[in-house]
Protein backbone atom coordinates (compact mmCIF):
# COMPACT_ATOMS: atom_id res chain seq x y z
CA MET A 1 -37.68 19.85 33.59
CA LYS A 2 -40.21 22.33 33.71
CA LYS A 3 -42.71 23.40 31.05
CA SER A 4 -41.40 26.96 30.82
CA SER A 5 -38.34 25.54 30.46
CA LEU A 6 -38.53 23.47 27.66
CA TYR A 7 -40.30 26.73 26.09
CA ILE A 8 -37.35 28.69 26.23
CA ILE A 9 -35.07 25.73 24.77
CA LEU A 10 -37.28 24.77 21.98
CA GLY A 11 -37.75 29.13 21.16
CA THR A 12 -34.49 29.36 21.06
CA GLY A 13 -33.41 26.24 18.64
CA VAL A 14 -36.28 27.25 16.27
CA ALA A 15 -34.84 30.81 16.60
CA LEU A 16 -31.00 29.81 15.77
CA ALA A 17 -32.20 26.84 12.63
CA GLY A 18 -33.63 30.49 11.32
CA ILE A 19 -31.13 32.66 11.38
CA PHE A 20 -28.56 30.00 9.80
CA SER A 21 -31.19 29.32 6.91
CA LEU A 22 -31.68 32.99 6.43
CA LEU A 23 -27.82 33.17 6.13
CA PHE A 24 -27.30 30.30 3.67
CA PHE A 25 -30.48 31.20 1.70
CA MET A 26 -29.19 34.97 1.17
CA ARG A 27 -25.32 34.83 0.30
CA ALA A 28 -23.87 34.83 -2.87
CA PRO A 29 -23.85 32.20 -5.17
CA GLU A 30 -20.48 30.67 -5.48
CA GLY A 31 -17.99 31.87 -7.90
CA VAL A 32 -20.02 35.44 -8.46
CA VAL A 33 -17.61 38.08 -7.12
CA PRO A 34 -20.27 41.22 -5.61
CA THR A 35 -19.10 44.44 -7.96
CA PRO A 36 -18.38 47.08 -5.48
CA THR A 37 -20.10 50.24 -4.85
CA GLN A 38 -18.58 53.73 -5.09
CA ALA A 39 -19.49 56.63 -2.64
CA SER A 40 -20.88 58.72 -5.00
CA GLY A 41 -20.46 62.71 -4.55
CA PRO A 42 -21.22 65.53 -6.08
CA THR A 43 -18.23 66.73 -8.29
CA LEU A 44 -17.99 69.44 -10.79
CA HIS A 45 -14.63 68.44 -12.29
CA PRO A 46 -14.02 64.33 -12.32
CA LYS A 47 -11.18 62.82 -11.88
CA LEU A 48 -8.62 63.27 -14.96
CA SER A 49 -8.16 60.42 -17.56
CA GLU A 50 -5.21 61.97 -19.44
CA ILE A 51 -2.96 64.83 -18.35
CA PRO A 52 -4.66 68.19 -19.84
CA ASP A 53 -2.64 70.55 -22.38
CA SER A 54 -4.69 73.42 -21.84
CA ASP A 55 -2.93 76.61 -20.50
CA SER A 56 -5.36 76.21 -17.20
CA VAL A 57 -7.09 73.82 -15.35
CA THR A 58 -10.43 73.88 -13.02
CA LEU A 59 -10.80 71.83 -9.55
CA ASP A 60 -13.53 71.58 -7.06
CA GLY A 61 -12.32 73.97 -4.37
CA ILE A 62 -13.44 74.48 -1.00
CA ALA A 63 -16.42 76.29 -1.60
CA GLY A 64 -16.68 75.74 -5.92
CA PRO A 65 -14.65 75.15 -8.79
CA VAL A 66 -11.06 76.92 -8.93
CA THR A 67 -9.37 78.02 -12.46
CA ILE A 68 -5.56 77.30 -11.45
CA LYS A 69 -2.99 78.05 -13.89
CA ASN A 70 -1.84 74.09 -15.74
CA PHE A 71 0.92 73.08 -13.16
CA TYR A 72 0.99 69.86 -15.09
CA ARG A 73 3.78 71.34 -17.73
CA THR A 74 6.06 72.27 -15.05
CA ALA A 75 5.68 69.40 -12.62
CA ALA A 76 8.56 67.41 -11.31
CA ASN A 77 7.00 64.29 -12.25
CA VAL A 78 3.24 63.27 -13.71
CA ILE A 79 3.18 59.62 -12.20
CA THR A 80 -0.59 59.47 -13.26
CA PRO A 81 -2.65 62.65 -13.94
CA ASP A 82 -3.93 61.88 -10.94
CA VAL A 83 -0.95 62.04 -8.46
CA VAL A 84 1.66 64.78 -9.84
CA VAL A 85 4.73 65.49 -8.46
CA VAL A 86 4.59 69.41 -8.32
CA PHE A 87 8.16 70.19 -6.92
CA ASN A 88 10.56 68.54 -5.05
CA THR A 89 13.41 70.07 -2.91
CA ASP A 90 15.80 68.98 -0.22
CA SER A 91 13.15 71.65 1.95
CA TYR A 92 9.94 70.35 0.79
CA THR A 93 7.55 68.68 -1.87
CA ILE A 94 4.14 69.96 -3.22
CA GLU A 95 1.98 67.43 -4.80
CA TYR A 96 -1.64 67.35 -6.08
CA PHE A 97 -4.05 64.43 -5.45
CA GLY A 98 -7.04 64.08 -8.25
CA ARG A 99 -9.10 61.62 -5.53
CA ASP A 100 -9.98 64.30 -4.18
CA ASN A 101 -8.69 67.31 -5.65
CA SER A 102 -5.92 68.42 -2.72
CA PHE A 103 -2.50 69.42 -2.64
CA GLY A 104 0.13 67.97 -0.22
CA ILE A 105 3.44 70.32 0.69
CA VAL A 106 5.36 68.52 3.25
CA LEU A 107 8.37 70.46 4.37
CA LEU A 108 11.23 68.40 4.76
CA LYS A 109 13.83 70.49 6.25
CA LYS A 110 15.10 72.78 9.22
CA PRO A 111 13.98 75.31 10.20
CA LEU A 112 10.42 74.69 9.05
CA ALA A 113 9.73 78.43 9.13
CA ALA A 114 11.61 79.03 6.75
CA SER A 115 10.59 75.74 4.40
CA ARG A 116 7.52 76.83 4.88
CA GLN A 117 8.08 80.47 3.13
CA GLU A 118 9.98 78.23 0.82
CA ALA A 119 7.05 75.94 0.19
CA GLU A 120 4.00 78.71 0.12
CA ALA A 121 5.98 81.02 -2.02
CA ALA A 122 6.72 77.90 -4.88
CA PHE A 123 2.94 76.95 -4.89
CA LEU A 124 1.84 80.11 -5.59
CA GLU A 125 3.86 80.78 -8.23
CA ALA A 126 3.17 76.89 -9.52
CA LEU A 127 -0.80 77.00 -9.56
CA ALA A 128 -0.01 81.69 -10.64
CA VAL A 129 -3.07 82.16 -7.50
CA SER A 130 -2.87 84.80 -5.11
CA ARG A 131 -3.20 84.01 -1.35
CA PRO A 132 -6.95 84.28 -1.21
CA THR A 133 -7.08 82.36 -4.41
CA ALA A 134 -5.16 79.92 -2.64
CA CYS A 135 -6.99 79.27 0.14
CA MET A 136 -10.10 77.91 -1.83
CA LEU A 137 -8.24 75.29 -2.44
CA ARG A 138 -7.97 72.07 -1.00
CA VAL A 139 -3.98 72.31 0.87
CA SER A 140 -2.80 70.30 3.72
CA LEU A 141 0.86 71.05 5.05
CA GLY A 142 2.48 68.73 7.50
CA VAL A 143 6.06 67.24 9.03
CA PRO A 144 7.25 63.87 8.97
CA TYR A 145 7.88 62.49 12.29
CA SER A 146 11.37 62.31 10.85
CA VAL A 147 11.81 65.78 10.22
CA GLU A 148 10.22 67.18 13.35
CA PRO A 149 8.37 64.31 15.37
CA ALA A 150 7.13 67.24 18.40
CA ALA A 151 5.50 68.96 14.70
CA SER A 152 4.65 66.00 13.20
CA GLY A 153 0.59 64.85 12.76
CA THR A 154 -0.60 68.42 12.47
CA ASP A 155 -1.98 69.83 9.62
CA PHE A 156 -0.93 73.16 9.53
CA GLY A 157 -2.65 74.53 6.02
CA LEU A 158 -0.87 77.56 4.38
CA SER A 159 -0.07 79.59 7.45
CA PHE A 160 -1.72 83.06 5.28
CA CYS A 161 -5.17 81.41 5.32
CA GLY A 162 -8.04 81.55 7.81
CA ASN A 163 -6.88 77.48 8.80
CA GLY A 164 -3.83 78.28 9.10
CA ILE A 165 -1.63 77.10 12.24
CA PRO A 166 1.39 78.77 13.13
CA LEU A 167 4.18 76.49 13.11
CA PRO A 168 5.74 75.46 17.15
CA SER A 169 8.30 77.84 17.85
CA GLY A 170 11.91 77.10 17.75
CA LEU A 171 11.48 74.66 14.29
């Protein structure tokens, strides 16, 4: 065997031994569970730990704080302070998610255009906001695959906002 081959094999062996030694000594001691880290981000209004009893609530909107009517008082179901079913009908469901201060609207019945119009009107009424103010909130509007495969998987947004997408025609 050539001397250079011997040096390569010996060098590789030493390198592998070094890597295994580092991994062994850098591991956490047994029985110690590492503390999970949470991504921090700027939040003006942190998650709610209890249901607000005031007339209004302030949420982080797309471009800053947005004050709206306290929808907890008229909600269909308050699961936790951070998961609220604002409305639940045969045609649509409107939910609030405190984790990211967002609302989700799900259309459940055809014709989708009529369900969307009904859901958006209920959303504006439940929050007592104008269309421009609603557009400052984080709102997703979607359709489940079980209702209409051609429309599922798309966030249509609110129809009257700049990011609103028209529903496929005929649905």
